[in-house]
Structure formats: structure tokens, C-alpha cells
Amino acid sequence: GGEGFLMERQTDGTSKGLTGIIWRNSWPVLGLMLLNFVVGYTD
């Protein structure tokens, strides 16, 4: 059911396509690491 958790991507291997995929996989991780930093700093 549903769309599933696997990210649906369409890429032809161009610079723009690869960059978009990298960005979608990078910014949430960077945000998560910043949040971990905030938690430790608050303590």
C-alpha cells in the first residue's frame, strides 16, 4: 500500500539530477546533527 518509504527518484545522470538527489539526502541529516548539538549544548 501507499508510496512506500523508498524515495522515488527520476534521474538521467545529469549534474542537476544528481545534485538534487544528494541535497534531499543531505539536509535532513545535517539538521539532525545540529539538533543533536543543541541537545548536548542545552544540557
PDB file of all heavy atoms in Angstrom:
ATOM      1  N   GLY A   1       0.792  -1.215   0.000  1.00  0.00           N
ATOM      2  CA  GLY A   1       0.000   0.000   0.000  1.00  0.00           C
ATOM      3  C   GLY A   1       0.825   1.266   0.000  1.00  0.00           C
ATOM      4  O   GLY A   1       1.975   1.293   0.390  1.00  0.00           O
ATOM      5  N   GLY A   2       0.210   2.378  -0.443  1.00  0.00           N
ATOM      6  CA  GLY A   2       0.873   3.668  -0.375  1.00  0.00           C
ATOM      7  C   GLY A   2       2.078   3.749  -1.294  1.00  0.00           C
ATOM      8  O   GLY A   2       2.294   2.941  -2.165  1.00  0.00           O
ATOM      9  N   GLU A   3       2.867   4.784  -1.072  1.00  0.00           N
ATOM     10  CA  GLU A   3       4.049   5.013  -1.892  1.00  0.00           C
ATOM     11  C   GLU A   3       5.278   4.305  -1.341  1.00  0.00           C
ATOM     12  O   GLU A   3       6.310   4.255  -1.987  1.00  0.00           O
ATOM     13  CB  GLU A   3       4.330   6.521  -1.981  1.00  0.00           C
ATOM     14  CG  GLU A   3       3.321   7.280  -2.824  1.00  0.00           C
ATOM     15  CD  GLU A   3       3.298   6.762  -4.247  1.00  0.00           C
ATOM     16  OE1 GLU A   3       4.365   6.639  -4.865  1.00  0.00           O
ATOM     17  OE2 GLU A   3       2.199   6.486  -4.734  1.00  0.00           O
ATOM     18  N   GLY A   4       5.166   3.814  -0.104  1.00  0.00           N
ATOM     19  CA  GLY A   4       6.329   3.161   0.475  1.00  0.00           C
ATOM     20  C   GLY A   4       7.340   4.156   0.983  1.00  0.00           C
ATOM     21  O   GLY A   4       7.188   5.351   0.817  1.00  0.00           O
ATOM     22  N   PHE A   5       8.391   3.636   1.602  1.00  0.00           N
ATOM     23  CA  PHE A   5       9.399   4.501   2.179  1.00  0.00           C
ATOM     24  C   PHE A   5      10.581   4.695   1.246  1.00  0.00           C
ATOM     25  O   PHE A   5      11.458   5.479   1.529  1.00  0.00           O
ATOM     26  CB  PHE A   5       9.900   3.906   3.493  1.00  0.00           C
ATOM     27  CG  PHE A   5       9.046   4.266   4.657  1.00  0.00           C
ATOM     28  CD1 PHE A   5       7.681   4.313   4.518  1.00  0.00           C
ATOM     29  CD2 PHE A   5       9.616   4.558   5.876  1.00  0.00           C
ATOM     30  CE1 PHE A   5       6.877   4.639   5.587  1.00  0.00           C
ATOM     31  CE2 PHE A   5       8.814   4.884   6.958  1.00  0.00           C
ATOM     32  CZ  PHE A   5       7.444   4.922   6.817  1.00  0.00           C
ATOM     33  N   LEU A   6      10.665   3.954   0.145  1.00  0.00           N
ATOM     34  CA  LEU A   6      11.774   4.138  -0.774  1.00  0.00           C
ATOM     35  C   LEU A   6      11.511   5.394  -1.588  1.00  0.00           C
ATOM     36  O   LEU A   6      10.463   5.544  -2.202  1.00  0.00           O
ATOM     37  CB  LEU A   6      11.908   2.928  -1.702  1.00  0.00           C
ATOM     38  CG  LEU A   6      12.098   1.592  -1.007  1.00  0.00           C
ATOM     39  CD1 LEU A   6      12.344   0.516  -2.037  1.00  0.00           C
ATOM     40  CD2 LEU A   6      13.232   1.655  -0.018  1.00  0.00           C
ATOM     41  N   MET A   7      12.484   6.295  -1.570  1.00  0.00           N
ATOM     42  CA  MET A   7      12.311   7.571  -2.267  1.00  0.00           C
ATOM     43  C   MET A   7      12.225   7.347  -3.775  1.00  0.00           C
ATOM     44  O   MET A   7      13.078   6.706  -4.362  1.00  0.00           O
ATOM     45  CB  MET A   7      13.472   8.500  -1.941  1.00  0.00           C
ATOM     46  CG  MET A   7      13.371   9.855  -2.622  1.00  0.00           C
ATOM     47  SD  MET A   7      14.776  10.910  -2.215  1.00  0.00           S
ATOM     48  CE  MET A   7      14.419  11.248  -0.506  1.00  0.00           C
ATOM     49  N   GLU A   8      11.196   7.865  -4.383  1.00  0.00           N
ATOM     50  CA  GLU A   8      11.040   7.730  -5.823  1.00  0.00           C
ATOM     51  C   GLU A   8      11.846   8.832  -6.500  1.00  0.00           C
ATOM     52  O   GLU A   8      11.620  10.012  -6.291  1.00  0.00           O
ATOM     53  CB  GLU A   8       9.564   7.844  -6.207  1.00  0.00           C
ATOM     54  CG  GLU A   8       9.336   7.538  -7.672  1.00  0.00           C
ATOM     55  CD  GLU A   8       7.861   7.377  -7.965  1.00  0.00           C
ATOM     56  OE1 GLU A   8       7.117   7.014  -7.050  1.00  0.00           O
ATOM     57  OE2 GLU A   8       7.477   7.610  -9.113  1.00  0.00           O
ATOM     58  N   ARG A   9      12.811   8.418  -7.282  1.00  0.00           N
ATOM     59  CA  ARG A   9      13.696   9.380  -7.919  1.00  0.00           C
ATOM     60  C   ARG A   9      13.672   9.173  -9.432  1.00  0.00           C
ATOM     61  O   ARG A   9      13.550   8.056  -9.919  1.00  0.00           O
ATOM     62  CB  ARG A   9      15.135   9.229  -7.426  1.00  0.00           C
ATOM     63  CG  ARG A   9      15.267   9.273  -5.917  1.00  0.00           C
ATOM     64  CD  ARG A   9      16.736   9.119  -5.564  1.00  0.00           C
ATOM     65  NE  ARG A   9      16.911   9.123  -4.133  1.00  0.00           N
ATOM     66  CZ  ARG A   9      16.955   8.020  -3.403  1.00  0.00           C
ATOM     67  NH1 ARG A   9      16.832   6.856  -3.968  1.00  0.00           N
ATOM     68  NH2 ARG A   9      17.115   8.090  -2.112  1.00  0.00           N
ATOM     69  N   GLN A  10      13.815  10.234 -10.146  1.00  0.00           N
ATOM     70  CA  GLN A  10      13.948  10.157 -11.594  1.00  0.00           C
ATOM     71  C   GLN A  10      15.216  10.925 -11.942  1.00  0.00           C
ATOM     72  O   GLN A  10      15.303  12.118 -11.707  1.00  0.00           O
ATOM     73  CB  GLN A  10      12.738  10.789 -12.285  1.00  0.00           C
ATOM     74  CG  GLN A  10      12.713  10.592 -13.778  1.00  0.00           C
ATOM     75  CD  GLN A  10      12.261   9.202 -14.144  1.00  0.00           C
ATOM     76  OE1 GLN A  10      11.587   8.538 -13.385  1.00  0.00           O
ATOM     77  NE2 GLN A  10      12.627   8.751 -15.318  1.00  0.00           N
ATOM     78  N   THR A  11      16.203  10.252 -12.446  1.00  0.00           N
ATOM     79  CA  THR A  11      17.447  10.925 -12.798  1.00  0.00           C
ATOM     80  C   THR A  11      18.018  10.333 -14.069  1.00  0.00           C
ATOM     81  O   THR A  11      17.953   9.133 -14.292  1.00  0.00           O
ATOM     82  CB  THR A  11      18.491  10.806 -11.672  1.00  0.00           C
ATOM     83  OG1 THR A  11      19.704  11.427 -12.123  1.00  0.00           O
ATOM     84  CG2 THR A  11      18.795   9.374 -11.298  1.00  0.00           C
ATOM     85  N   ASP A  12      18.524  11.215 -14.918  1.00  0.00           N
ATOM     86  CA  ASP A  12      19.181  10.768 -16.138  1.00  0.00           C
ATOM     87  C   ASP A  12      20.690  10.849 -16.011  1.00  0.00           C
ATOM     88  O   ASP A  12      21.415  10.748 -16.996  1.00  0.00           O
ATOM     89  CB  ASP A  12      18.712  11.601 -17.330  1.00  0.00           C
ATOM     90  CG  ASP A  12      18.932  13.099 -17.083  1.00  0.00           C
ATOM     91  OD1 ASP A  12      19.519  13.449 -16.036  1.00  0.00           O
ATOM     92  OD2 ASP A  12      18.521  13.899 -17.945  1.00  0.00           O
ATOM     93  N   GLY A  13      21.188  11.046 -14.766  1.00  0.00           N
ATOM     94  CA  GLY A  13      22.620  11.114 -14.535  1.00  0.00           C
ATOM     95  C   GLY A  13      23.199  12.490 -14.768  1.00  0.00           C
ATOM     96  O   GLY A  13      24.419  12.663 -14.698  1.00  0.00           O
ATOM     97  N   THR A  14      22.353  13.509 -15.051  1.00  0.00           N
ATOM     98  CA  THR A  14      22.863  14.855 -15.264  1.00  0.00           C
ATOM     99  C   THR A  14      23.287  15.473 -13.947  1.00  0.00           C
ATOM    100  O   THR A  14      22.929  15.008 -12.868  1.00  0.00           O
ATOM    101  CB  THR A  14      21.788  15.740 -15.910  1.00  0.00           C
ATOM    102  OG1 THR A  14      20.684  15.857 -14.997  1.00  0.00           O
ATOM    103  CG2 THR A  14      21.305  15.134 -17.209  1.00  0.00           C
ATOM    104  N   SER A  15      24.048  16.560 -14.058  1.00  0.00           N
ATOM    105  CA  SER A  15      24.541  17.251 -12.861  1.00  0.00           C
ATOM    106  C   SER A  15      23.389  17.717 -11.987  1.00  0.00           C
ATOM    107  O   SER A  15      23.406  17.555 -10.773  1.00  0.00           O
ATOM    108  CB  SER A  15      25.407  18.442 -13.276  1.00  0.00           C
ATOM    109  OG  SER A  15      25.790  19.207 -12.165  1.00  0.00           O
ATOM    110  N   LYS A  16      22.356  18.282 -12.622  1.00  0.00           N
ATOM    111  CA  LYS A  16      21.221  18.782 -11.851  1.00  0.00           C
ATOM    112  C   LYS A  16      20.490  17.664 -11.137  1.00  0.00           C
ATOM    113  O   LYS A  16      20.087  17.793  -9.979  1.00  0.00           O
ATOM    114  CB  LYS A  16      20.262  19.531 -12.789  1.00  0.00           C
ATOM    115  CG  LYS A  16      19.092  20.188 -12.071  1.00  0.00           C
ATOM    116  CD  LYS A  16      18.235  20.962 -13.052  1.00  0.00           C
ATOM    117  CE  LYS A  16      17.050  21.607 -12.332  1.00  0.00           C
ATOM    118  NZ  LYS A  16      16.184  22.370 -13.273  1.00  0.00           N
ATOM    119  N   GLY A  17      20.308  16.522 -11.834  1.00  0.00           N
ATOM    120  CA  GLY A  17      19.606  15.405 -11.216  1.00  0.00           C
ATOM    121  C   GLY A  17      20.352  14.832 -10.033  1.00  0.00           C
ATOM    122  O   GLY A  17      19.769  14.579  -8.978  1.00  0.00           O
ATOM    123  N   LEU A  18      21.657  14.640 -10.178  1.00  0.00           N
ATOM    124  CA  LEU A  18      22.461  14.099  -9.083  1.00  0.00           C
ATOM    125  C   LEU A  18      22.498  15.051  -7.901  1.00  0.00           C
ATOM    126  O   LEU A  18      22.390  14.635  -6.742  1.00  0.00           O
ATOM    127  CB  LEU A  18      23.886  13.814  -9.567  1.00  0.00           C
ATOM    128  CG  LEU A  18      24.063  12.691 -10.592  1.00  0.00           C
ATOM    129  CD1 LEU A  18      25.527  12.577 -10.984  1.00  0.00           C
ATOM    130  CD2 LEU A  18      23.553  11.371 -10.046  1.00  0.00           C
ATOM    131  N   THR A  19      22.644  16.340  -8.181  1.00  0.00           N
ATOM    132  CA  THR A  19      22.714  17.333  -7.101  1.00  0.00           C
ATOM    133  C   THR A  19      21.423  17.359  -6.306  1.00  0.00           C
ATOM    134  O   THR A  19      21.434  17.462  -5.074  1.00  0.00           O
ATOM    135  CB  THR A  19      23.019  18.730  -7.682  1.00  0.00           C
ATOM    136  OG1 THR A  19      24.248  18.693  -8.389  1.00  0.00           O
ATOM    137  CG2 THR A  19      23.110  19.760  -6.572  1.00  0.00           C
ATOM    138  N   GLY A  20      20.289  17.260  -6.983  1.00  0.00           N
ATOM    139  CA  GLY A  20      19.004  17.258  -6.285  1.00  0.00           C
ATOM    140  C   GLY A  20      18.860  16.069  -5.354  1.00  0.00           C
ATOM    141  O   GLY A  20      18.386  16.196  -4.223  1.00  0.00           O
ATOM    142  N   ILE A  21      19.259  14.894  -5.832  1.00  0.00           N
ATOM    143  CA  ILE A  21      19.194  13.693  -5.001  1.00  0.00           C
ATOM    144  C   ILE A  21      20.101  13.829  -3.784  1.00  0.00           C
ATOM    145  O   ILE A  21      19.724  13.496  -2.658  1.00  0.00           O
ATOM    146  CB  ILE A  21      19.581  12.457  -5.822  1.00  0.00           C
ATOM    147  CG1 ILE A  21      18.540  12.199  -6.908  1.00  0.00           C
ATOM    148  CG2 ILE A  21      19.710  11.227  -4.927  1.00  0.00           C
ATOM    149  CD1 ILE A  21      18.939  11.112  -7.874  1.00  0.00           C
ATOM    150  N   ILE A  22      21.308  14.323  -4.004  1.00  0.00           N
ATOM    151  CA  ILE A  22      22.263  14.488  -2.901  1.00  0.00           C
ATOM    152  C   ILE A  22      21.703  15.457  -1.869  1.00  0.00           C
ATOM    153  O   ILE A  22      21.796  15.215  -0.659  1.00  0.00           O
ATOM    154  CB  ILE A  22      23.614  14.979  -3.442  1.00  0.00           C
ATOM    155  CG1 ILE A  22      24.256  13.889  -4.302  1.00  0.00           C
ATOM    156  CG2 ILE A  22      24.559  15.369  -2.296  1.00  0.00           C
ATOM    157  CD1 ILE A  22      25.437  14.367  -5.122  1.00  0.00           C
ATOM    158  N   TRP A  23      21.118  16.566  -2.335  1.00  0.00           N
ATOM    159  CA  TRP A  23      20.573  17.553  -1.415  1.00  0.00           C
ATOM    160  C   TRP A  23      19.435  16.963  -0.580  1.00  0.00           C
ATOM    161  O   TRP A  23      19.362  17.173   0.633  1.00  0.00           O
ATOM    162  CB  TRP A  23      20.079  18.774  -2.187  1.00  0.00           C
ATOM    163  CG  TRP A  23      19.299  19.757  -1.359  1.00  0.00           C
ATOM    164  CD1 TRP A  23      17.983  20.064  -1.468  1.00  0.00           C
ATOM    165  CD2 TRP A  23      19.798  20.550  -0.274  1.00  0.00           C
ATOM    166  NE1 TRP A  23      17.612  20.988  -0.540  1.00  0.00           N
ATOM    167  CE2 TRP A  23      18.711  21.315   0.219  1.00  0.00           C
ATOM    168  CE3 TRP A  23      21.050  20.686   0.327  1.00  0.00           C
ATOM    169  CZ2 TRP A  23      18.839  22.201   1.279  1.00  0.00           C
ATOM    170  CZ3 TRP A  23      21.175  21.573   1.397  1.00  0.00           C
ATOM    171  CH2 TRP A  23      20.091  22.321   1.854  1.00  0.00           C
ATOM    172  N   ARG A  24      18.529  16.213  -1.214  1.00  0.00           N
ATOM    173  CA  ARG A  24      17.406  15.631  -0.477  1.00  0.00           C
ATOM    174  C   ARG A  24      17.865  14.633   0.577  1.00  0.00           C
ATOM    175  O   ARG A  24      17.188  14.440   1.585  1.00  0.00           O
ATOM    176  CB  ARG A  24      16.439  14.946  -1.457  1.00  0.00           C
ATOM    177  CG  ARG A  24      15.626  15.910  -2.305  1.00  0.00           C
ATOM    178  CD  ARG A  24      14.450  15.216  -2.973  1.00  0.00           C
ATOM    179  NE  ARG A  24      14.873  14.186  -3.901  1.00  0.00           N
ATOM    180  CZ  ARG A  24      15.126  14.399  -5.192  1.00  0.00           C
ATOM    181  NH1 ARG A  24      15.033  15.633  -5.682  1.00  0.00           N
ATOM    182  NH2 ARG A  24      15.479  13.418  -5.984  1.00  0.00           N
ATOM    183  N   ASN A  25      19.008  14.003   0.340  1.00  0.00           N
ATOM    184  CA  ASN A  25      19.519  13.036   1.309  1.00  0.00           C
ATOM    185  C   ASN A  25      20.443  13.664   2.340  1.00  0.00           C
ATOM    186  O   ASN A  25      20.781  13.015   3.330  1.00  0.00           O
ATOM    187  CB  ASN A  25      20.267  11.915   0.581  1.00  0.00           C
ATOM    188  CG  ASN A  25      19.335  10.870   0.011  1.00  0.00           C
ATOM    189  OD1 ASN A  25      19.015   9.866   0.655  1.00  0.00           O
ATOM    190  ND2 ASN A  25      18.855  11.109  -1.198  1.00  0.00           N
ATOM    191  N   SER A  26      20.867  14.904   2.108  1.00  0.00           N
ATOM    192  CA  SER A  26      21.857  15.526   2.991  1.00  0.00           C
ATOM    193  C   SER A  26      21.259  16.475   4.015  1.00  0.00           C
ATOM    194  O   SER A  26      21.642  16.445   5.190  1.00  0.00           O
ATOM    195  CB  SER A  26      22.903  16.281   2.160  1.00  0.00           C
ATOM    196  OG  SER A  26      23.586  15.431   1.293  1.00  0.00           O
ATOM    197  N   TRP A  27      20.313  17.329   3.573  1.00  0.00           N
ATOM    198  CA  TRP A  27      19.888  18.377   4.501  1.00  0.00           C
ATOM    199  C   TRP A  27      19.198  17.834   5.758  1.00  0.00           C
ATOM    200  O   TRP A  27      19.416  18.389   6.852  1.00  0.00           O
ATOM    201  CB  TRP A  27      18.995  19.406   3.776  1.00  0.00           C
ATOM    202  CG  TRP A  27      17.573  18.987   3.525  1.00  0.00           C
ATOM    203  CD1 TRP A  27      17.026  18.551   2.368  1.00  0.00           C
ATOM    204  CD2 TRP A  27      16.499  18.993   4.485  1.00  0.00           C
ATOM    205  NE1 TRP A  27      15.693  18.265   2.523  1.00  0.00           N
ATOM    206  CE2 TRP A  27      15.337  18.537   3.815  1.00  0.00           C
ATOM    207  CE3 TRP A  27      16.396  19.351   5.835  1.00  0.00           C
ATOM    208  CZ2 TRP A  27      14.102  18.407   4.446  1.00  0.00           C
ATOM    209  CZ3 TRP A  27      15.164  19.221   6.471  1.00  0.00           C
ATOM    210  CH2 TRP A  27      14.023  18.765   5.772  1.00  0.00           C
ATOM    211  N   PRO A  28      18.368  16.755   5.666  1.00  0.00           N
ATOM    212  CA  PRO A  28      17.779  16.270   6.923  1.00  0.00           C
ATOM    213  C   PRO A  28      18.832  15.731   7.892  1.00  0.00           C
ATOM    214  O   PRO A  28      18.684  15.873   9.109  1.00  0.00           O
ATOM    215  CB  PRO A  28      16.829  15.154   6.465  1.00  0.00           C
ATOM    216  CG  PRO A  28      16.574  15.422   5.025  1.00  0.00           C
ATOM    217  CD  PRO A  28      17.857  15.980   4.517  1.00  0.00           C
ATOM    218  N   VAL A  29      19.903  15.124   7.354  1.00  0.00           N
ATOM    219  CA  VAL A  29      20.963  14.597   8.220  1.00  0.00           C
ATOM    220  C   VAL A  29      21.718  15.742   8.885  1.00  0.00           C
ATOM    221  O   VAL A  29      22.051  15.677  10.075  1.00  0.00           O
ATOM    222  CB  VAL A  29      21.929  13.709   7.418  1.00  0.00           C
ATOM    223  CG1 VAL A  29      23.021  13.166   8.321  1.00  0.00           C
ATOM    224  CG2 VAL A  29      21.177  12.568   6.752  1.00  0.00           C
ATOM    225  N   LEU A  30      21.990  16.794   8.127  1.00  0.00           N
ATOM    226  CA  LEU A  30      22.645  17.966   8.706  1.00  0.00           C
ATOM    227  C   LEU A  30      21.770  18.577   9.794  1.00  0.00           C
ATOM    228  O   LEU A  30      22.257  18.933  10.875  1.00  0.00           O
ATOM    229  CB  LEU A  30      22.927  19.004   7.610  1.00  0.00           C
ATOM    230  CG  LEU A  30      23.543  20.323   8.080  1.00  0.00           C
ATOM    231  CD1 LEU A  30      24.862  20.081   8.792  1.00  0.00           C
ATOM    232  CD2 LEU A  30      23.734  21.267   6.900  1.00  0.00           C
ATOM    233  N   GLY A  31      20.467  18.689   9.511  1.00  0.00           N
ATOM    234  CA  GLY A  31      19.551  19.208  10.524  1.00  0.00           C
ATOM    235  C   GLY A  31      19.524  18.337  11.768  1.00  0.00           C
ATOM    236  O   GLY A  31      19.498  18.837  12.896  1.00  0.00           O
ATOM    237  N   LEU A  32      19.536  17.023  11.570  1.00  0.00           N
ATOM    238  CA  LEU A  32      19.534  16.095  12.706  1.00  0.00           C
ATOM    239  C   LEU A  32      20.785  16.266  13.563  1.00  0.00           C
ATOM    240  O   LEU A  32      20.714  16.259  14.803  1.00  0.00           O
ATOM    241  CB  LEU A  32      19.422  14.659  12.186  1.00  0.00           C
ATOM    242  CG  LEU A  32      19.221  13.539  13.204  1.00  0.00           C
ATOM    243  CD1 LEU A  32      18.392  12.428  12.577  1.00  0.00           C
ATOM    244  CD2 LEU A  32      20.551  12.948  13.659  1.00  0.00           C
ATOM    245  N   MET A  33      21.934  16.432  12.911  1.00  0.00           N
ATOM    246  CA  MET A  33      23.186  16.590  13.653  1.00  0.00           C
ATOM    247  C   MET A  33      23.206  17.916  14.412  1.00  0.00           C
ATOM    248  O   MET A  33      23.713  18.003  15.536  1.00  0.00           O
ATOM    249  CB  MET A  33      24.370  16.486  12.699  1.00  0.00           C
ATOM    250  CG  MET A  33      24.484  15.132  12.025  1.00  0.00           C
ATOM    251  SD  MET A  33      25.887  14.984  10.909  1.00  0.00           S
ATOM    252  CE  MET A  33      27.213  14.822  12.091  1.00  0.00           C
ATOM    253  N   LEU A  34      22.642  18.954  13.811  1.00  0.00           N
ATOM    254  CA  LEU A  34      22.542  20.232  14.504  1.00  0.00           C
ATOM    255  C   LEU A  34      21.642  20.112  15.731  1.00  0.00           C
ATOM    256  O   LEU A  34      21.925  20.697  16.783  1.00  0.00           O
ATOM    257  CB  LEU A  34      22.005  21.300  13.552  1.00  0.00           C
ATOM    258  CG  LEU A  34      22.976  21.785  12.474  1.00  0.00           C
ATOM    259  CD1 LEU A  34      22.261  22.679  11.472  1.00  0.00           C
ATOM    260  CD2 LEU A  34      24.147  22.534  13.104  1.00  0.00           C
ATOM    261  N   LEU A  35      20.568  19.349  15.598  1.00  0.00           N
ATOM    262  CA  LEU A  35      19.666  19.139  16.740  1.00  0.00           C
ATOM    263  C   LEU A  35      20.379  18.377  17.851  1.00  0.00           C
ATOM    264  O   LEU A  35      20.201  18.683  19.040  1.00  0.00           O
ATOM    265  CB  LEU A  35      18.418  18.384  16.286  1.00  0.00           C
ATOM    266  CG  LEU A  35      17.457  19.178  15.393  1.00  0.00           C
ATOM    267  CD1 LEU A  35      16.353  18.268  14.854  1.00  0.00           C
ATOM    268  CD2 LEU A  35      16.841  20.343  16.168  1.00  0.00           C
ATOM    269  N   ASN A  36      21.182  17.375  17.482  1.00  0.00           N
ATOM    270  CA  ASN A  36      21.965  16.662  18.491  1.00  0.00           C
ATOM    271  C   ASN A  36      22.919  17.613  19.215  1.00  0.00           C
ATOM    272  O   ASN A  36      23.110  17.519  20.430  1.00  0.00           O
ATOM    273  CB  ASN A  36      22.765  15.532  17.833  1.00  0.00           C
ATOM    274  CG  ASN A  36      21.975  14.248  17.746  1.00  0.00           C
ATOM    275  OD1 ASN A  36      21.458  13.730  18.734  1.00  0.00           O
ATOM    276  ND2 ASN A  36      21.860  13.714  16.548  1.00  0.00           N
ATOM    277  N   PHE A  37      23.511  18.525  18.453  1.00  0.00           N
ATOM    278  CA  PHE A  37      24.402  19.520  19.038  1.00  0.00           C
ATOM    279  C   PHE A  37      23.637  20.404  20.028  1.00  0.00           C
ATOM    280  O   PHE A  37      24.126  20.709  21.121  1.00  0.00           O
ATOM    281  CB  PHE A  37      25.027  20.377  17.937  1.00  0.00           C
ATOM    282  CG  PHE A  37      25.846  21.529  18.438  1.00  0.00           C
ATOM    283  CD1 PHE A  37      27.148  21.333  18.854  1.00  0.00           C
ATOM    284  CD2 PHE A  37      25.304  22.814  18.496  1.00  0.00           C
ATOM    285  CE1 PHE A  37      27.909  22.395  19.323  1.00  0.00           C
ATOM    286  CE2 PHE A  37      26.045  23.874  18.958  1.00  0.00           C
ATOM    287  CZ  PHE A  37      27.363  23.672  19.374  1.00  0.00           C
ATOM    288  N   VAL A  38      22.426  20.811  19.661  1.00  0.00           N
ATOM    289  CA  VAL A  38      21.607  21.666  20.526  1.00  0.00           C
ATOM    290  C   VAL A  38      21.264  20.944  21.822  1.00  0.00           C
ATOM    291  O   VAL A  38      21.311  21.531  22.915  1.00  0.00           O
ATOM    292  CB  VAL A  38      20.329  22.104  19.787  1.00  0.00           C
ATOM    293  CG1 VAL A  38      19.349  22.772  20.747  1.00  0.00           C
ATOM    294  CG2 VAL A  38      20.679  23.052  18.658  1.00  0.00           C
ATOM    295  N   VAL A  39      20.927  19.652  21.717  1.00  0.00           N
ATOM    296  CA  VAL A  39      20.590  18.871  22.918  1.00  0.00           C
ATOM    297  C   VAL A  39      21.778  18.823  23.878  1.00  0.00           C
ATOM    298  O   VAL A  39      21.634  19.071  25.076  1.00  0.00           O
ATOM    299  CB  VAL A  39      20.157  17.444  22.522  1.00  0.00           C
ATOM    300  CG1 VAL A  39      20.089  16.548  23.755  1.00  0.00           C
ATOM    301  CG2 VAL A  39      18.803  17.473  21.827  1.00  0.00           C
ATOM    302  N   GLY A  40      22.960  18.506  23.352  1.00  0.00           N
ATOM    303  CA  GLY A  40      24.142  18.442  24.206  1.00  0.00           C
ATOM    304  C   GLY A  40      24.491  19.790  24.794  1.00  0.00           C
ATOM    305  O   GLY A  40      24.864  19.893  25.979  1.00  0.00           O
ATOM    306  N   TYR A  41      24.363  20.852  23.987  1.00  0.00           N
ATOM    307  CA  TYR A  41      24.681  22.196  24.474  1.00  0.00           C
ATOM    308  C   TYR A  41      23.711  22.612  25.575  1.00  0.00           C
ATOM    309  O   TYR A  41      24.108  23.242  26.564  1.00  0.00           O
ATOM    310  CB  TYR A  41      24.622  23.192  23.320  1.00  0.00           C
ATOM    311  CG  TYR A  41      24.940  24.609  23.733  1.00  0.00           C
ATOM    312  CD1 TYR A  41      26.264  25.030  23.840  1.00  0.00           C
ATOM    313  CD2 TYR A  41      23.923  25.522  24.016  1.00  0.00           C
ATOM    314  CE1 TYR A  41      26.568  26.328  24.219  1.00  0.00           C
ATOM    315  CE2 TYR A  41      24.211  26.814  24.402  1.00  0.00           C
ATOM    316  CZ  TYR A  41      25.539  27.218  24.504  1.00  0.00           C
ATOM    317  OH  TYR A  41      25.836  28.501  24.891  1.00  0.00           O
ATOM    318  N   THR A  42      22.424  22.263  25.422  1.00  0.00           N
ATOM    319  CA  THR A  42      21.427  22.632  26.430  1.00  0.00           C
ATOM    320  C   THR A  42      21.747  21.980  27.768  1.00  0.00           C
ATOM    321  O   THR A  42      21.648  22.626  28.830  1.00  0.00           O
ATOM    322  CB  THR A  42      20.020  22.216  25.969  1.00  0.00           C
ATOM    323  OG1 THR A  42      19.722  22.859  24.734  1.00  0.00           O
ATOM    324  CG2 THR A  42      18.973  22.598  27.004  1.00  0.00           C
ATOM    325  N   ASP A  43      22.133  20.697  27.753  1.00  0.00           N
ATOM    326  CA  ASP A  43      22.499  20.008  28.999  1.00  0.00           C
ATOM    327  C   ASP A  43      23.638  20.731  29.705  1.00  0.00           C
ATOM    328  O   ASP A  43      23.588  20.966  30.923  1.00  0.00           O
ATOM    329  CB  ASP A  43      22.916  18.562  28.703  1.00  0.00           C
ATOM    330  CG  ASP A  43      21.728  17.676  28.355  1.00  0.00           C
ATOM    331  OD1 ASP A  43      20.583  18.130  28.511  1.00  0.00           O
ATOM    332  OD2 ASP A  43      21.947  16.533  27.918  1.00  0.00           O
TER     333      ASP A  43
END
